[in-house]
């Protein structure tokens, strides 16, 4: 799933539509974020941060040497 793009300027008529184009966009964005979080959780080690003391974490070392 591609990240949703916000509605173009002027797309919202500002008359209180239900759902508004912004409601639809934010619902799609939440679904995309949920999907991304699930994909991140399913891929351990990907995007692992460096250790706080400036050294690489073991997860990062395994990624860099793979």
N, C-alpha and C. Protein backbone atom coordinates (compact mmCIF):
# COMPACT_ATOMS: atom_id res chain seq x y z
N UNK A 1 0.85 -1.17 0.00
CA UNK A 1 0.00 0.00 0.00
C UNK A 1 0.90 1.24 0.00
N UNK A 2 0.65 2.15 -0.89
CA UNK A 2 1.39 3.41 -0.94
C UNK A 2 0.84 4.37 0.10
N UNK A 3 1.72 5.26 0.59
CA UNK A 3 1.29 6.26 1.56
C UNK A 3 0.28 7.18 0.88
N UNK A 4 -0.87 7.41 1.53
CA UNK A 4 -1.87 8.28 0.92
C UNK A 4 -1.36 9.72 0.81
N UNK A 5 -1.83 10.38 -0.19
CA UNK A 5 -1.46 11.79 -0.37
C UNK A 5 -2.62 12.66 0.11
N UNK A 6 -2.30 13.78 0.73
CA UNK A 6 -3.37 14.65 1.21
C UNK A 6 -4.19 15.22 0.05
N UNK A 7 -5.42 15.58 0.32
CA UNK A 7 -6.24 16.19 -0.73
C UNK A 7 -5.59 17.46 -1.25
N UNK A 8 -5.80 17.72 -2.50
CA UNK A 8 -5.24 18.92 -3.12
C UNK A 8 -5.92 20.16 -2.54
N UNK A 9 -5.20 21.27 -2.60
CA UNK A 9 -5.78 22.54 -2.14
C UNK A 9 -7.11 22.78 -2.86
N UNK A 10 -8.08 23.20 -2.11
CA UNK A 10 -9.38 23.52 -2.69
C UNK A 10 -10.30 22.33 -2.85
N UNK A 11 -9.82 21.11 -2.53
CA UNK A 11 -10.66 19.92 -2.66
C UNK A 11 -11.76 19.91 -1.61
N UNK A 12 -11.43 20.36 -0.40
CA UNK A 12 -12.43 20.43 0.67
C UNK A 12 -13.30 21.66 0.43
N UNK A 13 -14.61 21.45 0.45
CA UNK A 13 -15.53 22.56 0.20
C UNK A 13 -15.86 23.34 1.47
N UNK A 14 -15.40 22.82 2.62
CA UNK A 14 -15.60 23.46 3.93
C UNK A 14 -17.07 23.68 4.26
N UNK A 15 -17.93 22.76 3.78
CA UNK A 15 -19.36 22.88 4.11
C UNK A 15 -19.81 21.80 5.08
N UNK A 16 -18.85 21.09 5.68
CA UNK A 16 -19.19 20.09 6.69
C UNK A 16 -19.65 18.75 6.13
N UNK A 17 -19.17 18.39 4.97
CA UNK A 17 -19.54 17.09 4.38
C UNK A 17 -19.18 15.95 5.34
N UNK A 18 -19.95 14.88 5.28
CA UNK A 18 -19.68 13.71 6.10
C UNK A 18 -19.74 12.47 5.23
N UNK A 19 -18.62 11.88 4.87
CA UNK A 19 -17.28 12.25 5.34
C UNK A 19 -16.66 13.33 4.46
N UNK A 20 -15.83 14.10 5.08
CA UNK A 20 -15.05 15.12 4.37
C UNK A 20 -13.88 14.43 3.68
N UNK A 21 -13.34 15.04 2.64
CA UNK A 21 -12.16 14.46 1.99
C UNK A 21 -11.02 14.30 2.98
N UNK A 22 -10.96 15.18 3.99
CA UNK A 22 -9.91 15.06 5.01
C UNK A 22 -10.16 13.87 5.92
N UNK A 23 -11.43 13.57 6.22
CA UNK A 23 -11.75 12.38 7.02
C UNK A 23 -11.27 11.13 6.28
N UNK A 24 -11.55 11.07 5.00
CA UNK A 24 -11.15 9.93 4.19
C UNK A 24 -9.63 9.81 4.14
N UNK A 25 -8.96 10.94 3.96
CA UNK A 25 -7.49 10.94 3.93
C UNK A 25 -6.91 10.44 5.25
N UNK A 26 -7.40 10.98 6.38
CA UNK A 26 -6.85 10.58 7.67
C UNK A 26 -7.14 9.12 8.00
N UNK A 27 -8.28 8.61 7.57
CA UNK A 27 -8.57 7.19 7.76
C UNK A 27 -7.59 6.33 6.96
N UNK A 28 -7.33 6.73 5.73
CA UNK A 28 -6.38 6.00 4.90
C UNK A 28 -4.96 6.11 5.46
N UNK A 29 -4.61 7.27 6.00
CA UNK A 29 -3.28 7.47 6.58
C UNK A 29 -3.11 6.59 7.82
N UNK A 30 -4.14 6.51 8.67
CA UNK A 30 -4.07 5.64 9.85
C UNK A 30 -3.91 4.18 9.43
N UNK A 31 -4.63 3.75 8.41
CA UNK A 31 -4.51 2.38 7.93
C UNK A 31 -3.10 2.12 7.40
N UNK A 32 -2.55 3.08 6.68
CA UNK A 32 -1.19 2.94 6.14
C UNK A 32 -0.17 2.87 7.29
N UNK A 33 -0.34 3.74 8.29
CA UNK A 33 0.58 3.74 9.43
C UNK A 33 0.50 2.42 10.19
N UNK A 34 -0.70 1.88 10.34
CA UNK A 34 -0.86 0.58 11.01
C UNK A 34 -0.17 -0.51 10.22
N UNK A 35 -0.33 -0.48 8.91
CA UNK A 35 0.33 -1.47 8.05
C UNK A 35 1.85 -1.34 8.14
N UNK A 36 2.35 -0.13 8.16
CA UNK A 36 3.80 0.09 8.26
C UNK A 36 4.33 -0.42 9.60
N UNK A 37 3.60 -0.17 10.68
CA UNK A 37 4.02 -0.62 12.00
C UNK A 37 4.05 -2.15 12.05
N UNK A 38 3.07 -2.80 11.44
CA UNK A 38 3.04 -4.26 11.41
C UNK A 38 4.21 -4.80 10.59
N UNK A 39 4.52 -4.15 9.48
CA UNK A 39 5.65 -4.58 8.65
C UNK A 39 6.96 -4.39 9.41
N UNK A 40 7.09 -3.29 10.13
CA UNK A 40 8.30 -3.04 10.92
C UNK A 40 8.45 -4.08 12.01
N UNK A 41 7.35 -4.44 12.66
CA UNK A 41 7.40 -5.43 13.74
C UNK A 41 7.74 -6.81 13.21
N UNK A 42 7.35 -7.09 11.97
CA UNK A 42 7.60 -8.39 11.37
C UNK A 42 9.02 -8.53 10.85
N UNK A 43 9.76 -7.43 10.80
CA UNK A 43 11.13 -7.44 10.28
C UNK A 43 12.08 -6.99 11.38
N UNK A 44 12.36 -7.87 12.36
CA UNK A 44 13.24 -7.45 13.46
C UNK A 44 14.62 -7.06 12.97
N UNK A 45 15.15 -6.01 13.58
CA UNK A 45 16.49 -5.56 13.23
C UNK A 45 16.50 -4.48 12.17
N UNK A 46 15.48 -4.40 11.37
CA UNK A 46 15.45 -3.38 10.34
C UNK A 46 15.16 -2.05 11.01
N UNK A 47 15.99 -1.08 10.76
CA UNK A 47 15.80 0.23 11.34
C UNK A 47 16.21 0.30 12.80
N UNK A 48 16.99 -0.67 13.25
CA UNK A 48 17.42 -0.65 14.65
C UNK A 48 18.34 0.53 14.88
N UNK A 49 18.14 1.24 15.96
CA UNK A 49 18.97 2.42 16.23
C UNK A 49 20.36 2.02 16.70
N UNK A 50 21.29 2.93 16.57
CA UNK A 50 22.63 2.72 17.09
C UNK A 50 22.57 2.75 18.61
N UNK A 51 23.55 2.13 19.25
CA UNK A 51 23.62 2.15 20.71
C UNK A 51 23.78 3.60 21.17
N UNK A 52 23.35 3.88 22.38
CA UNK A 52 23.37 5.26 22.87
C UNK A 52 24.78 5.78 23.13
N UNK A 53 25.75 4.89 23.23
CA UNK A 53 27.12 5.33 23.48
C UNK A 53 27.91 5.55 22.19
N UNK A 54 27.22 5.55 21.06
CA UNK A 54 27.87 5.82 19.78
C UNK A 54 28.28 4.57 19.03
N UNK A 55 28.25 3.41 19.69
CA UNK A 55 28.56 2.16 18.99
C UNK A 55 27.31 1.65 18.30
N UNK A 56 27.49 0.79 17.33
CA UNK A 56 26.34 0.18 16.67
C UNK A 56 25.77 -0.92 17.55
N UNK A 57 24.44 -1.06 17.52
CA UNK A 57 23.80 -2.15 18.24
C UNK A 57 24.07 -3.45 17.50
N UNK A 58 23.96 -4.61 18.17
CA UNK A 58 24.16 -5.90 17.48
C UNK A 58 23.25 -6.06 16.27
N UNK A 59 22.02 -5.55 16.37
CA UNK A 59 21.11 -5.65 15.23
C UNK A 59 21.64 -4.88 14.03
N UNK A 60 22.20 -3.69 14.27
CA UNK A 60 22.75 -2.89 13.16
C UNK A 60 23.98 -3.57 12.57
N UNK A 61 24.81 -4.18 13.40
CA UNK A 61 26.00 -4.86 12.90
C UNK A 61 25.59 -6.01 11.99
N UNK A 62 24.57 -6.78 12.38
CA UNK A 62 24.14 -7.89 11.54
C UNK A 62 23.57 -7.40 10.22
N UNK A 63 22.93 -6.25 10.22
CA UNK A 63 22.40 -5.69 8.97
C UNK A 63 23.57 -5.23 8.08
N UNK A 64 24.54 -4.57 8.68
CA UNK A 64 25.65 -4.02 7.89
C UNK A 64 26.58 -5.09 7.35
N UNK A 65 26.63 -6.25 7.98
CA UNK A 65 27.54 -7.29 7.54
C UNK A 65 26.86 -8.38 6.75
N UNK A 66 25.56 -8.24 6.55
CA UNK A 66 24.81 -9.28 5.82
C UNK A 66 25.12 -9.23 4.36
